[in-house]
Every structure is written in C-alpha cells, then in structure tokens.
C-alpha cells in the first residue's frame, strides 16, 4: 500500500484520472486506485471530488500564468513576446478546453471559500498583469502605439484568446500554434506604432 506524501501527489493523480475519465465519470475510488491507497486516505488531504477539481484547475491555470510571466520578463521585442504569450494561451485552452473559461466566467462561484476566491483573484491579477507588462514594454520600446489603453487591450486580447474554448475541436489550420499566429497577425496592425487613426477610426491619408 502506497503512502501519500503530500497533497500535491493527490492533485496530480486527480488530474490524470479527470483527463482519462472526465470529471463526471471519475470517482474518488478511481483516484485512490491511481495512488494505490484506500479511499479514506484521500480525505485527510482533500474534502471532496469538487475540491480536487478546483485544485487541479488552479494548478493548470498557474502553469500558464508562470509561463506568461516568464515571457513578459524576457528581452524579445513586443511582437515576439505576444506571439509566445498567445501560443501559450492557446495550448492551455486546447489542453483544458472545459476548465479554461471558468477563470473568466465563474468569478463569483458560490462553491468556493473566501480564501479560495482570494487566491483565485490574485492568480487572475498576475495573469492580466503579465499581458499588460508585455504591452507597456512594447509602448516604451516604440513598437506599440502609445495611444492604446493597456487595460482595455488586455481584456480584448483575453476575449480573443479564450473564445476558442467554445469552438468545435480544432480541425485543419486550427492547431494552437497556427491559431496563435493568425490571431497575432489580426491584432498587430492595430497595436503597432505607426500613423494614428483619428477618433472616428479613419487613418490619415
């Protein structure tokens, strides 16, 4: 009989079982079996299957947040950083299609404790700040127009990047890397420094 060393071990096992069986079909017994322990041993580390799902989805989202923070801290040009950031986001959406939207649509999930809600809010703030940092660095370097509003632009970027979670499974030309490149091409012309449009959106002749 295996001994559970820490809660992370349980979270990793739950992530595997949820991926293999789907959350609805997975049972606590399946997770215990994956760990090689009795079912009762799990409850020392976590209160329920729903609590495990929250831990798993938070871990998955934390991974993409850390990736984006590393991208933002890099020395590449703004366009290259955005390309990496969008690609990382699309990989996350592709791998966790069901869970990924919850970070942006379930802000007031009543099932979360106050502590969990605060932890999630801090994580989401880090995520948004990483995107905003890329934009601000691009503005400082002269690559991105200073006329953009970083906060509004980040929210627009997030809407674009998260939308594929609701699409049918990717077909030809919709692989995460391809999709990221297409999205970058679409937005870069509106972000890059150049002749500014007038308030009505008409570029100067």
N, C-alpha and C. Protein backbone atom coordinates (compact mmCIF):
# COMPACT_ATOMS: atom_id res chain seq x y z
N UNK A 1 0.85 -1.19 0.00
CA UNK A 1 0.00 0.00 0.00
C UNK A 1 0.89 1.25 0.00
N UNK A 2 0.67 2.13 -0.97
CA UNK A 2 1.44 3.36 -1.09
C UNK A 2 1.02 4.37 -0.03
N UNK A 3 1.98 5.15 0.44
CA UNK A 3 1.67 6.21 1.39
C UNK A 3 1.64 7.55 0.66
N UNK A 4 0.61 8.34 0.92
CA UNK A 4 0.52 9.66 0.31
C UNK A 4 1.47 10.61 1.03
N UNK A 5 2.41 11.18 0.30
CA UNK A 5 3.43 12.04 0.91
C UNK A 5 2.92 13.46 1.13
N UNK A 6 2.11 13.96 0.18
CA UNK A 6 1.62 15.33 0.29
C UNK A 6 0.39 15.52 -0.60
N UNK A 7 -0.26 16.65 -0.46
CA UNK A 7 -1.48 16.90 -1.23
C UNK A 7 -1.21 17.00 -2.72
N UNK A 8 -0.02 17.48 -3.09
CA UNK A 8 0.30 17.61 -4.50
C UNK A 8 0.22 16.27 -5.21
N UNK A 9 0.61 15.22 -4.52
CA UNK A 9 0.53 13.88 -5.09
C UNK A 9 -0.92 13.51 -5.42
N UNK A 10 -1.83 13.90 -4.55
CA UNK A 10 -3.26 13.65 -4.78
C UNK A 10 -3.76 14.47 -5.96
N UNK A 11 -3.35 15.73 -6.04
CA UNK A 11 -3.78 16.61 -7.13
C UNK A 11 -3.29 16.06 -8.47
N UNK A 12 -2.05 15.60 -8.52
CA UNK A 12 -1.51 15.04 -9.76
C UNK A 12 -2.28 13.80 -10.20
N UNK A 13 -2.61 12.95 -9.23
CA UNK A 13 -3.38 11.74 -9.54
C UNK A 13 -4.78 12.10 -10.03
N UNK A 14 -5.40 13.08 -9.38
CA UNK A 14 -6.74 13.51 -9.78
C UNK A 14 -6.72 14.09 -11.19
N UNK A 15 -5.69 14.87 -11.52
CA UNK A 15 -5.58 15.45 -12.85
C UNK A 15 -5.54 14.35 -13.91
N UNK A 16 -4.80 13.29 -13.64
CA UNK A 16 -4.70 12.18 -14.58
C UNK A 16 -6.04 11.46 -14.74
N UNK A 17 -6.69 11.20 -13.62
CA UNK A 17 -7.98 10.49 -13.67
C UNK A 17 -9.04 11.34 -14.36
N UNK A 18 -9.09 12.63 -14.05
CA UNK A 18 -10.07 13.51 -14.70
C UNK A 18 -9.82 13.57 -16.20
N UNK A 19 -8.55 13.60 -16.61
CA UNK A 19 -8.22 13.65 -18.03
C UNK A 19 -8.61 12.35 -18.72
N UNK A 20 -8.42 11.23 -18.04
CA UNK A 20 -8.72 9.92 -18.64
C UNK A 20 -10.22 9.63 -18.69
N UNK A 21 -10.93 9.94 -17.62
CA UNK A 21 -12.33 9.55 -17.49
C UNK A 21 -13.32 10.70 -17.66
N UNK A 22 -12.83 11.93 -17.53
CA UNK A 22 -13.74 13.06 -17.46
C UNK A 22 -14.19 13.24 -16.02
N UNK A 23 -14.45 14.48 -15.63
CA UNK A 23 -14.78 14.75 -14.23
C UNK A 23 -16.05 14.02 -13.80
N UNK A 24 -17.09 14.06 -14.63
CA UNK A 24 -18.37 13.46 -14.24
C UNK A 24 -18.27 11.95 -14.03
N UNK A 25 -17.44 11.28 -14.82
CA UNK A 25 -17.32 9.83 -14.73
C UNK A 25 -16.28 9.38 -13.70
N UNK A 26 -15.43 10.28 -13.29
CA UNK A 26 -14.39 9.92 -12.32
C UNK A 26 -14.98 9.80 -10.93
N UNK A 27 -14.45 8.86 -10.16
CA UNK A 27 -14.89 8.67 -8.78
C UNK A 27 -13.69 8.82 -7.85
N UNK A 28 -13.97 9.14 -6.61
CA UNK A 28 -12.89 9.22 -5.62
C UNK A 28 -12.15 7.89 -5.56
N UNK A 29 -12.90 6.78 -5.72
CA UNK A 29 -12.27 5.46 -5.70
C UNK A 29 -11.23 5.32 -6.81
N UNK A 30 -11.51 5.93 -7.98
CA UNK A 30 -10.57 5.86 -9.10
C UNK A 30 -9.27 6.58 -8.76
N UNK A 31 -9.40 7.70 -8.08
CA UNK A 31 -8.21 8.47 -7.71
C UNK A 31 -7.41 7.71 -6.66
N UNK A 32 -8.12 7.10 -5.71
CA UNK A 32 -7.44 6.29 -4.70
C UNK A 32 -6.70 5.13 -5.35
N UNK A 33 -7.34 4.51 -6.33
CA UNK A 33 -6.70 3.38 -7.04
C UNK A 33 -5.46 3.85 -7.78
N UNK A 34 -5.54 5.01 -8.40
CA UNK A 34 -4.39 5.57 -9.12
C UNK A 34 -3.21 5.76 -8.17
N UNK A 35 -3.51 6.12 -6.93
CA UNK A 35 -2.47 6.34 -5.93
C UNK A 35 -2.05 5.07 -5.22
N UNK A 36 -2.88 4.03 -5.33
CA UNK A 36 -2.59 2.79 -4.62
C UNK A 36 -2.87 2.89 -3.14
N UNK A 37 -3.93 3.65 -2.78
CA UNK A 37 -4.27 3.83 -1.37
C UNK A 37 -5.76 3.54 -1.17
N UNK A 38 -6.17 3.45 0.09
CA UNK A 38 -7.58 3.31 0.40
C UNK A 38 -8.28 4.66 0.22
N UNK A 39 -9.55 4.61 -0.15
CA UNK A 39 -10.30 5.83 -0.41
C UNK A 39 -10.27 6.80 0.77
N UNK A 40 -10.38 6.27 1.97
CA UNK A 40 -10.41 7.12 3.15
C UNK A 40 -9.15 7.94 3.33
N UNK A 41 -8.03 7.47 2.79
CA UNK A 41 -6.77 8.19 2.93
C UNK A 41 -6.80 9.54 2.23
N UNK A 42 -7.63 9.64 1.18
CA UNK A 42 -7.67 10.89 0.42
C UNK A 42 -8.28 12.03 1.23
N UNK A 43 -9.23 11.69 2.09
CA UNK A 43 -9.96 12.74 2.80
C UNK A 43 -9.13 13.45 3.86
N UNK A 44 -7.95 12.93 4.14
CA UNK A 44 -7.03 13.64 5.03
C UNK A 44 -6.46 14.85 4.31
N UNK A 45 -6.41 14.78 2.97
CA UNK A 45 -5.77 15.83 2.18
C UNK A 45 -6.77 16.72 1.46
N UNK A 46 -7.97 16.22 1.17
CA UNK A 46 -8.95 17.00 0.41
C UNK A 46 -10.35 16.57 0.82
N UNK A 47 -11.30 17.51 0.78
CA UNK A 47 -12.63 17.23 1.32
C UNK A 47 -13.58 16.54 0.36
N UNK A 48 -13.39 16.73 -0.95
CA UNK A 48 -14.35 16.18 -1.91
C UNK A 48 -13.76 16.15 -3.31
N UNK A 49 -14.49 15.51 -4.22
CA UNK A 49 -14.07 15.48 -5.62
C UNK A 49 -14.12 16.89 -6.21
N UNK A 50 -15.14 17.67 -5.84
CA UNK A 50 -15.25 19.04 -6.33
C UNK A 50 -14.07 19.89 -5.87
N UNK A 51 -13.64 19.69 -4.63
CA UNK A 51 -12.47 20.42 -4.13
C UNK A 51 -11.22 20.04 -4.90
N UNK A 52 -11.12 18.76 -5.25
CA UNK A 52 -9.98 18.31 -6.05
C UNK A 52 -9.99 18.95 -7.43
N UNK A 53 -11.18 19.07 -8.02
CA UNK A 53 -11.27 19.70 -9.33
C UNK A 53 -10.78 21.14 -9.27
N UNK A 54 -11.15 21.86 -8.21
CA UNK A 54 -10.69 23.24 -8.08
C UNK A 54 -9.17 23.31 -7.96
N UNK A 55 -8.59 22.37 -7.22
CA UNK A 55 -7.13 22.34 -7.08
C UNK A 55 -6.46 22.02 -8.41
N UNK A 56 -7.04 21.10 -9.15
CA UNK A 56 -6.47 20.71 -10.44
C UNK A 56 -6.53 21.88 -11.42
N UNK A 57 -7.70 22.52 -11.53
CA UNK A 57 -7.83 23.62 -12.48
C UNK A 57 -6.96 24.81 -12.09
N UNK A 58 -6.81 25.04 -10.78
CA UNK A 58 -5.93 26.13 -10.34
C UNK A 58 -4.48 25.81 -10.71
N UNK A 59 -4.07 24.57 -10.55
CA UNK A 59 -2.70 24.19 -10.91
C UNK A 59 -2.47 24.38 -12.40
N UNK A 60 -3.44 23.98 -13.21
CA UNK A 60 -3.31 24.12 -14.66
C UNK A 60 -3.21 25.60 -15.05
N UNK A 61 -4.04 26.43 -14.42
CA UNK A 61 -4.01 27.85 -14.74
C UNK A 61 -2.73 28.50 -14.24
N UNK A 62 -2.25 28.06 -13.08
CA UNK A 62 -0.99 28.59 -12.54
C UNK A 62 0.15 28.35 -13.52
N UNK A 63 0.15 27.19 -14.16
CA UNK A 63 1.21 26.87 -15.12
C UNK A 63 1.26 27.88 -16.26
N UNK A 64 0.09 28.24 -16.80
CA UNK A 64 0.09 29.21 -17.91
C UNK A 64 0.43 30.61 -17.40
N UNK A 65 0.04 30.94 -16.17
CA UNK A 65 0.39 32.24 -15.60
C UNK A 65 1.91 32.37 -15.46
N UNK A 66 2.54 31.33 -14.93
CA UNK A 66 4.00 31.35 -14.77
C UNK A 66 4.69 31.47 -16.12
N UNK A 67 4.17 30.75 -17.12
CA UNK A 67 4.73 30.84 -18.47
C UNK A 67 4.64 32.27 -19.00
N UNK A 68 3.48 32.90 -18.83
CA UNK A 68 3.30 34.26 -19.32
C UNK A 68 4.20 35.25 -18.59
N UNK A 69 4.39 35.04 -17.30
CA UNK A 69 5.28 35.93 -16.54
C UNK A 69 6.71 35.81 -17.04
N UNK A 70 7.13 34.61 -17.39
CA UNK A 70 8.48 34.42 -17.93
C UNK A 70 8.60 35.09 -19.30
N UNK A 71 7.56 34.97 -20.12
CA UNK A 71 7.57 35.63 -21.42
C UNK A 71 7.66 37.15 -21.24
N UNK A 72 6.85 37.68 -20.33
CA UNK A 72 6.83 39.13 -20.10
C UNK A 72 8.18 39.64 -19.61
N UNK A 73 8.91 38.82 -18.86
CA UNK A 73 10.20 39.23 -18.30
C UNK A 73 11.34 39.07 -19.30
N UNK A 74 11.06 38.49 -20.45
CA UNK A 74 12.10 38.25 -21.44
C UNK A 74 12.56 39.53 -22.13
N UNK A 75 13.54 39.39 -23.03
CA UNK A 75 14.13 40.55 -23.69
C UNK A 75 13.72 40.66 -25.16
N UNK A 76 12.82 39.82 -25.60
CA UNK A 76 12.40 39.87 -27.00
C UNK A 76 11.58 41.13 -27.29
N UNK A 77 11.41 41.41 -28.57
CA UNK A 77 10.55 42.52 -28.98
C UNK A 77 9.10 42.19 -28.62
N UNK A 78 8.28 43.22 -28.55
CA UNK A 78 6.89 43.05 -28.12
C UNK A 78 6.13 42.06 -29.01
N UNK A 79 6.34 42.12 -30.30
CA UNK A 79 5.63 41.20 -31.20
C UNK A 79 5.99 39.76 -30.88
N UNK A 80 7.27 39.49 -30.64
CA UNK A 80 7.71 38.13 -30.32
C UNK A 80 7.14 37.67 -28.98
N UNK A 81 7.10 38.59 -28.02
CA UNK A 81 6.51 38.24 -26.72
C UNK A 81 5.03 37.91 -26.86
N UNK A 82 4.32 38.74 -27.63
CA UNK A 82 2.89 38.49 -27.82
C UNK A 82 2.66 37.15 -28.52
N UNK A 83 3.51 36.85 -29.48
CA UNK A 83 3.38 35.58 -30.18
C UNK A 83 3.52 34.41 -29.21
N UNK A 84 4.53 34.48 -28.34
CA UNK A 84 4.73 33.42 -27.35
C UNK A 84 3.58 33.35 -26.36
N UNK A 85 3.09 34.53 -25.94
CA UNK A 85 2.01 34.57 -24.96
C UNK A 85 0.72 34.00 -25.53
N UNK A 86 0.39 34.38 -26.75
CA UNK A 86 -0.83 33.87 -27.38
C UNK A 86 -0.72 32.37 -27.62
N UNK A 87 0.47 31.93 -28.03
CA UNK A 87 0.67 30.49 -28.26
C UNK A 87 0.51 29.72 -26.95
N UNK A 88 1.07 30.24 -25.86
CA UNK A 88 0.93 29.57 -24.56
C UNK A 88 -0.53 29.51 -24.14
N UNK A 89 -1.26 30.60 -24.37
CA UNK A 89 -2.68 30.64 -24.03
C UNK A 89 -3.47 29.62 -24.84
N UNK A 90 -3.17 29.50 -26.13
CA UNK A 90 -3.91 28.57 -26.98
C UNK A 90 -3.58 27.12 -26.64
N UNK A 91 -2.35 26.86 -26.23
CA UNK A 91 -2.03 25.50 -25.77
C UNK A 91 -2.83 25.16 -24.52
N UNK A 92 -2.93 26.13 -23.62
CA UNK A 92 -3.71 25.93 -22.39
C UNK A 92 -5.17 25.65 -22.71
N UNK A 93 -5.76 26.46 -23.59
CA UNK A 93 -7.16 26.26 -23.98
C UNK A 93 -7.35 24.91 -24.65
N UNK A 94 -6.41 24.54 -25.51
CA UNK A 94 -6.53 23.28 -26.24
C UNK A 94 -6.46 22.08 -25.30
N UNK A 95 -5.60 22.16 -24.29
CA UNK A 95 -5.43 21.04 -23.36
C UNK A 95 -6.55 20.98 -22.32
N UNK A 96 -7.06 22.15 -21.94
CA UNK A 96 -8.04 22.20 -20.85
C UNK A 96 -9.28 22.96 -21.33
N UNK A 97 -9.84 22.49 -22.40
CA UNK A 97 -10.94 23.18 -23.09
C UNK A 97 -12.13 23.46 -22.18
N UNK A 98 -12.45 22.51 -21.30
CA UNK A 98 -13.62 22.67 -20.44
C UNK A 98 -13.33 23.60 -19.27
N UNK A 99 -12.15 23.45 -18.68
CA UNK A 99 -11.83 24.20 -17.46
C UNK A 99 -11.38 25.63 -17.72
N UNK A 100 -10.76 25.89 -18.88
CA UNK A 100 -10.13 27.19 -19.09
C UNK A 100 -11.06 28.39 -18.96
N UNK A 101 -12.32 28.33 -19.44
CA UNK A 101 -13.15 29.53 -19.35
C UNK A 101 -13.57 29.90 -17.93
N UNK A 102 -13.52 28.96 -16.98
CA UNK A 102 -14.05 29.23 -15.63
C UNK A 102 -13.32 30.38 -14.94
N UNK A 103 -12.08 30.62 -15.32
CA UNK A 103 -11.33 31.70 -14.67
C UNK A 103 -11.88 33.07 -15.03
N UNK A 104 -12.67 33.12 -16.10
CA UNK A 104 -13.16 34.41 -16.56
C UNK A 104 -14.68 34.52 -16.50
N UNK A 105 -15.37 33.40 -16.27
CA UNK A 105 -16.83 33.42 -16.23
C UNK A 105 -17.39 33.05 -14.86
N UNK A 106 -16.59 32.44 -13.99
CA UNK A 106 -17.07 31.98 -12.69
C UNK A 106 -16.44 32.77 -11.55
N UNK A 107 -16.32 34.07 -11.74
CA UNK A 107 -15.65 34.89 -10.73
C UNK A 107 -16.37 34.87 -9.38
N UNK A 108 -17.66 34.57 -9.40
CA UNK A 108 -18.43 34.58 -8.15
C UNK A 108 -18.99 33.19 -7.85
N UNK A 109 -18.22 32.17 -8.13
CA UNK A 109 -18.63 30.79 -7.89
C UNK A 109 -18.94 30.60 -6.40
N UNK A 110 -20.19 30.32 -6.05
CA UNK A 110 -20.56 30.22 -4.63
C UNK A 110 -19.97 29.00 -3.93
N UNK A 111 -19.43 28.06 -4.72
CA UNK A 111 -18.86 26.85 -4.11
C UNK A 111 -17.48 27.11 -3.51
N UNK A 112 -16.86 28.20 -3.89
CA UNK A 112 -15.53 28.50 -3.38
C UNK A 112 -15.60 29.14 -2.00
N UNK A 113 -14.61 28.84 -1.20
CA UNK A 113 -14.50 29.51 0.09
C UNK A 113 -13.94 30.91 -0.14
N UNK A 114 -14.00 31.75 0.87
CA UNK A 114 -13.48 33.10 0.75
C UNK A 114 -11.98 33.08 0.47
N UNK A 115 -11.28 32.16 1.12
CA UNK A 115 -9.83 32.05 0.90
C UNK A 115 -9.54 31.62 -0.53
N UNK A 116 -10.30 30.64 -1.04
CA UNK A 116 -10.11 30.19 -2.42
C UNK A 116 -10.39 31.32 -3.40
N UNK A 117 -11.45 32.09 -3.15
CA UNK A 117 -11.79 33.20 -4.03
C UNK A 117 -10.67 34.24 -4.06
N UNK A 118 -10.07 34.51 -2.90
CA UNK A 118 -8.97 35.47 -2.84
C UNK A 118 -7.75 34.95 -3.58
N UNK A 119 -7.45 33.65 -3.41
CA UNK A 119 -6.31 33.05 -4.11
C UNK A 119 -6.53 33.11 -5.62
N UNK A 120 -7.74 32.80 -6.06
CA UNK A 120 -8.04 32.83 -7.49
C UNK A 120 -7.95 34.25 -8.03
N UNK A 121 -8.42 35.23 -7.26
CA UNK A 121 -8.37 36.62 -7.70
C UNK A 121 -6.92 37.09 -7.86
N UNK A 122 -6.06 36.69 -6.94
CA UNK A 122 -4.64 37.06 -7.04
C UNK A 122 -4.00 36.42 -8.27
N UNK A 123 -4.36 35.18 -8.54
CA UNK A 123 -3.80 34.48 -9.69
C UNK A 123 -4.25 35.14 -10.99
N UNK A 124 -5.52 35.49 -11.06
CA UNK A 124 -6.05 36.15 -12.25
C UNK A 124 -5.42 37.52 -12.43
N UNK A 125 -5.14 38.21 -11.33
CA UNK A 125 -4.48 39.52 -11.41
C UNK A 125 -3.07 39.37 -11.96
N UNK A 126 -2.34 38.36 -11.51
CA UNK A 126 -0.99 38.10 -12.05
C UNK A 126 -1.05 37.84 -13.55
N UNK A 127 -2.04 37.09 -13.95
CA UNK A 127 -2.22 36.74 -15.37
C UNK A 127 -2.43 38.00 -16.21
N UNK A 128 -3.34 38.86 -15.77
CA UNK A 128 -3.62 40.08 -16.52
C UNK A 128 -2.42 41.02 -16.52
N UNK A 129 -1.71 41.10 -15.39
CA UNK A 129 -0.55 41.98 -15.31
C UNK A 129 0.57 41.52 -16.23
N UNK A 130 0.70 40.21 -16.43
CA UNK A 130 1.73 39.71 -17.35
C UNK A 130 1.45 40.19 -18.77
N UNK A 131 0.19 40.09 -19.19
CA UNK A 131 -0.18 40.59 -20.52
C UNK A 131 0.07 42.11 -20.60
N UNK A 132 -0.35 42.81 -19.56
CA UNK A 132 -0.22 44.27 -19.56
C UNK A 132 1.25 44.68 -19.61
N UNK A 133 2.11 43.93 -18.94
CA UNK A 133 3.54 44.23 -18.94
C UNK A 133 4.12 44.13 -20.34
N UNK A 134 3.68 43.13 -21.10
CA UNK A 134 4.15 42.98 -22.49
C UNK A 134 3.78 44.22 -23.30
N UNK A 135 2.55 44.67 -23.14
CA UNK A 135 2.09 45.85 -23.88
C UNK A 135 2.85 47.10 -23.46
N UNK A 136 3.03 47.30 -22.17
CA UNK A 136 3.72 48.51 -21.68
C UNK A 136 5.18 48.53 -22.12
N UNK A 137 5.83 47.37 -22.11
CA UNK A 137 7.21 47.31 -22.59
C UNK A 137 7.27 47.64 -24.07
N UNK A 138 6.27 47.16 -24.83
CA UNK A 138 6.22 47.46 -26.26
C UNK A 138 6.01 48.94 -26.52
N UNK A 139 5.20 49.58 -25.69
CA UNK A 139 4.99 51.03 -25.81
C UNK A 139 6.29 51.77 -25.51
N UNK A 140 6.97 51.37 -24.43
CA UNK A 140 8.23 52.02 -24.04
C UNK A 140 9.30 51.87 -25.11
N UNK A 141 9.28 50.74 -25.82
CA UNK A 141 10.28 50.49 -26.86
C UNK A 141 9.91 51.13 -28.18
N UNK A 142 8.71 51.68 -28.28
CA UNK A 142 8.28 52.30 -29.53
C UNK A 142 7.70 51.32 -30.52
N UNK A 143 7.48 50.08 -30.11
CA UNK A 143 6.92 49.07 -31.02
C UNK A 143 5.40 49.08 -31.04
N UNK A 144 4.80 49.50 -29.93
CA UNK A 144 3.34 49.54 -29.81
C UNK A 144 2.90 50.98 -29.63
N UNK A 145 1.82 51.34 -30.27
CA UNK A 145 1.32 52.71 -30.22
C UNK A 145 1.01 53.14 -28.79
N UNK A 146 1.47 54.32 -28.38
CA UNK A 146 1.16 54.82 -27.04
C UNK A 146 -0.30 55.22 -26.88
N UNK A 147 -1.05 55.22 -27.98
CA UNK A 147 -2.45 55.64 -27.90
C UNK A 147 -3.37 54.53 -27.38
N UNK A 148 -2.86 53.31 -27.28
CA UNK A 148 -3.73 52.22 -26.81
C UNK A 148 -3.94 52.32 -25.30
N UNK A 149 -5.04 51.79 -24.85
CA UNK A 149 -5.31 51.66 -23.42
C UNK A 149 -4.92 50.24 -23.03
N UNK A 150 -3.84 50.05 -22.26
CA UNK A 150 -3.38 48.69 -21.95
C UNK A 150 -4.44 47.82 -21.29
N UNK A 151 -5.24 48.39 -20.39
CA UNK A 151 -6.25 47.59 -19.70
C UNK A 151 -7.31 47.09 -20.66
N UNK A 152 -7.84 47.98 -21.49
CA UNK A 152 -8.86 47.59 -22.47
C UNK A 152 -8.27 46.61 -23.48
N UNK A 153 -7.03 46.86 -23.88
CA UNK A 153 -6.39 45.98 -24.86
C UNK A 153 -6.20 44.58 -24.29
N UNK A 154 -5.80 44.49 -23.02
CA UNK A 154 -5.63 43.18 -22.39
C UNK A 154 -6.95 42.43 -22.36
N UNK A 155 -8.03 43.10 -21.97
CA UNK A 155 -9.34 42.44 -21.92
C UNK A 155 -9.77 41.98 -23.31
N UNK A 156 -9.46 42.78 -24.33
CA UNK A 156 -9.78 42.40 -25.71
C UNK A 156 -8.97 41.18 -26.12
N UNK A 157 -7.68 41.19 -25.79
CA UNK A 157 -6.81 40.05 -26.10
C UNK A 157 -7.32 38.78 -25.42
N UNK A 158 -7.71 38.91 -24.16
CA UNK A 158 -8.17 37.74 -23.42
C UNK A 158 -9.44 37.18 -24.03
N UNK A 159 -10.36 38.06 -24.43
CA UNK A 159 -11.58 37.59 -25.07
C UNK A 159 -11.28 36.81 -26.33
N UNK A 160 -10.32 37.31 -27.12
CA UNK A 160 -9.94 36.63 -28.35
C UNK A 160 -9.28 35.29 -28.07
N UNK A 161 -8.41 35.26 -27.06
CA UNK A 161 -7.65 34.04 -26.78
C UNK A 161 -8.50 32.96 -26.13
N UNK A 162 -9.52 33.36 -25.36
CA UNK A 162 -10.32 32.38 -24.64
C UNK A 162 -11.46 31.83 -25.50
N UNK A 163 -11.90 32.61 -26.49
CA UNK A 163 -13.04 32.21 -27.31
C UNK A 163 -12.92 30.80 -27.91
N UNK A 164 -11.72 30.36 -28.36
CA UNK A 164 -11.63 29.02 -28.96
C UNK A 164 -12.06 27.89 -28.04
N UNK A 165 -12.14 28.13 -26.73
CA UNK A 165 -12.60 27.07 -25.82
C UNK A 165 -14.02 26.64 -26.15
N UNK A 166 -14.80 27.54 -26.76
CA UNK A 166 -16.19 27.23 -27.10
C UNK A 166 -16.34 26.72 -28.53
N UNK A 167 -15.25 26.68 -29.27
CA UNK A 167 -15.32 26.21 -30.65
C UNK A 167 -15.35 24.69 -30.70
N UNK A 168 -15.73 24.12 -31.86
CA UNK A 168 -15.59 22.67 -32.04
C UNK A 168 -14.12 22.29 -31.95
N UNK A 169 -13.80 21.02 -31.69
CA UNK A 169 -12.39 20.60 -31.63
C UNK A 169 -11.63 21.06 -32.86
N UNK A 170 -10.38 21.48 -32.70
CA UNK A 170 -9.60 22.04 -33.82
C UNK A 170 -9.55 21.11 -35.02
N UNK A 171 -9.78 21.69 -36.19
CA UNK A 171 -9.64 20.97 -37.44
C UNK A 171 -8.41 21.47 -38.16
N UNK A 172 -8.28 21.21 -39.46
CA UNK A 172 -7.11 21.67 -40.22
C UNK A 172 -6.95 23.19 -40.09
N UNK A 173 -5.73 23.61 -39.79
CA UNK A 173 -5.45 25.03 -39.67
C UNK A 173 -5.81 25.62 -38.33
N UNK A 174 -6.29 24.79 -37.39
CA UNK A 174 -6.69 25.32 -36.09
C UNK A 174 -5.82 24.80 -34.94
N UNK A 175 -4.69 24.25 -35.24
CA UNK A 175 -3.77 23.82 -34.18
C UNK A 175 -3.38 25.05 -33.38
N UNK A 176 -3.05 24.87 -32.08
CA UNK A 176 -2.75 26.04 -31.24
C UNK A 176 -1.72 26.99 -31.83
N UNK A 177 -0.63 26.45 -32.39
CA UNK A 177 0.40 27.32 -32.95
C UNK A 177 -0.09 28.10 -34.15
N UNK A 178 -0.85 27.43 -35.02
CA UNK A 178 -1.39 28.10 -36.21
C UNK A 178 -2.40 29.16 -35.82
N UNK A 179 -3.27 28.82 -34.88
CA UNK A 179 -4.28 29.77 -34.42
C UNK A 179 -3.62 30.99 -33.78
N UNK A 180 -2.58 30.76 -33.00
CA UNK A 180 -1.88 31.88 -32.35
C UNK A 180 -1.28 32.83 -33.38
N UNK A 181 -0.69 32.26 -34.45
CA UNK A 181 -0.09 33.09 -35.49
C UNK A 181 -1.15 33.92 -36.21
N UNK A 182 -2.29 33.31 -36.49
CA UNK A 182 -3.38 34.03 -37.16
C UNK A 182 -3.90 35.16 -36.28
N UNK A 183 -4.06 34.88 -35.00
CA UNK A 183 -4.57 35.91 -34.09
C UNK A 183 -3.58 37.06 -33.94
N UNK A 184 -2.30 36.73 -33.87
CA UNK A 184 -1.29 37.79 -33.75
C UNK A 184 -1.33 38.69 -34.98
N UNK A 185 -1.42 38.09 -36.17
CA UNK A 185 -1.46 38.89 -37.39
C UNK A 185 -2.67 39.83 -37.39
N UNK A 186 -3.79 39.34 -36.86
CA UNK A 186 -5.01 40.16 -36.87
C UNK A 186 -4.90 41.36 -35.94
N UNK A 187 -4.25 41.17 -34.79
CA UNK A 187 -4.24 42.26 -33.80
C UNK A 187 -3.05 43.19 -33.94
N UNK A 188 -1.96 42.70 -34.53
CA UNK A 188 -0.74 43.50 -34.51
C UNK A 188 -0.89 44.82 -35.26
N UNK A 189 -1.63 44.81 -36.36
CA UNK A 189 -1.79 46.05 -37.13
C UNK A 189 -2.48 47.13 -36.32
N UNK A 190 -3.30 46.71 -35.35
CA UNK A 190 -3.98 47.69 -34.50
C UNK A 190 -3.15 48.12 -33.31
N UNK A 191 -2.10 47.36 -33.00
CA UNK A 191 -1.27 47.68 -31.85
C UNK A 191 0.02 48.39 -32.22
N UNK A 192 0.58 48.06 -33.36
CA UNK A 192 1.92 48.54 -33.69
C UNK A 192 1.94 50.06 -33.87
N UNK A 193 3.08 50.64 -33.52
CA UNK A 193 3.24 52.09 -33.65
C UNK A 193 3.27 52.44 -35.12
N UNK A 194 2.59 53.52 -35.48
CA UNK A 194 2.53 53.94 -36.87
C UNK A 194 1.58 55.12 -36.98
N UNK A 195 1.15 55.48 -38.19
CA UNK A 195 0.21 56.59 -38.34
C UNK A 195 -1.04 56.33 -37.52
N UNK A 196 -1.38 57.24 -36.64
CA UNK A 196 -2.52 57.05 -35.75
C UNK A 196 -3.82 57.31 -36.48
N UNK A 197 -4.85 56.55 -36.14
CA UNK A 197 -6.18 56.79 -36.68
C UNK A 197 -6.81 57.96 -35.94
N UNK A 198 -7.76 58.67 -36.61
CA UNK A 198 -8.45 59.74 -35.91
C UNK A 198 -9.52 59.15 -35.01
N UNK A 199 -10.18 59.94 -34.17
CA UNK A 199 -11.14 59.40 -33.21
C UNK A 199 -12.27 58.61 -33.85
N UNK A 200 -12.58 58.88 -35.14
CA UNK A 200 -13.63 58.12 -35.82
C UNK A 200 -13.10 56.84 -36.45
N UNK A 201 -11.82 56.55 -36.22
CA UNK A 201 -11.25 55.31 -36.72
C UNK A 201 -10.76 55.39 -38.14
N UNK A 202 -10.64 56.61 -38.72
CA UNK A 202 -10.19 56.75 -40.10
C UNK A 202 -8.72 57.14 -40.09
N UNK A 203 -7.89 56.35 -40.73
CA UNK A 203 -6.46 56.62 -40.76
C UNK A 203 -6.18 57.83 -41.62
N UNK A 204 -5.17 58.61 -41.28
CA UNK A 204 -4.84 59.79 -42.09
C UNK A 204 -4.38 59.38 -43.47
N UNK A 205 -4.69 60.21 -44.47
CA UNK A 205 -4.32 59.90 -45.85
C UNK A 205 -2.83 60.08 -46.04
